Amino acid sequence: PPEMMKMAEDKAKNIQLAWEKVKELRGW
């Protein structure tokens, strides 16, 4: 269903954003 796809996309986006933050904090 479309809503499942949306949720998966949002989750992936959040994970990506979290990674960017982690990289920034670690100075990568």
Protein backbone atom coordinates (compact mmCIF):
# COMPACT_ATOMS: atom_id res chain seq x y z
CA PRO A 1 0.00 0.00 0.00
CA PRO A 2 1.12 3.60 -0.67
CA GLU A 3 1.12 4.59 3.00
CA MET A 4 3.60 1.80 3.73
CA MET A 5 5.88 3.13 1.00
CA LYS A 6 5.57 6.62 2.45
CA MET A 7 6.49 5.40 5.92
CA ALA A 8 9.49 3.50 4.57
CA GLU A 9 10.64 6.57 2.65
CA ASP A 10 10.31 8.81 5.69
CA LYS A 11 12.24 6.31 7.78
CA ALA A 12 15.04 6.14 5.22
CA LYS A 13 15.16 9.94 5.12
CA ASN A 14 15.36 10.16 8.91
CA ILE A 15 18.17 7.62 9.00
CA GLN A 16 20.06 9.57 6.35
CA LEU A 17 19.62 12.82 8.29
CA ALA A 18 20.78 11.11 11.47
CA TRP A 19 23.90 9.86 9.67
CA GLU A 20 24.68 13.36 8.43
CA LYS A 21 24.44 14.62 12.02
CA VAL A 22 26.68 11.86 13.32
CA LYS A 23 29.26 12.56 10.63
CA GLU A 24 29.21 16.26 11.47
CA LEU A 25 29.62 15.58 15.18
CA ARG A 26 32.53 13.23 14.53
CA GLY A 27 34.07 15.62 12.04
CA TRP A 28 34.00 13.22 9.09
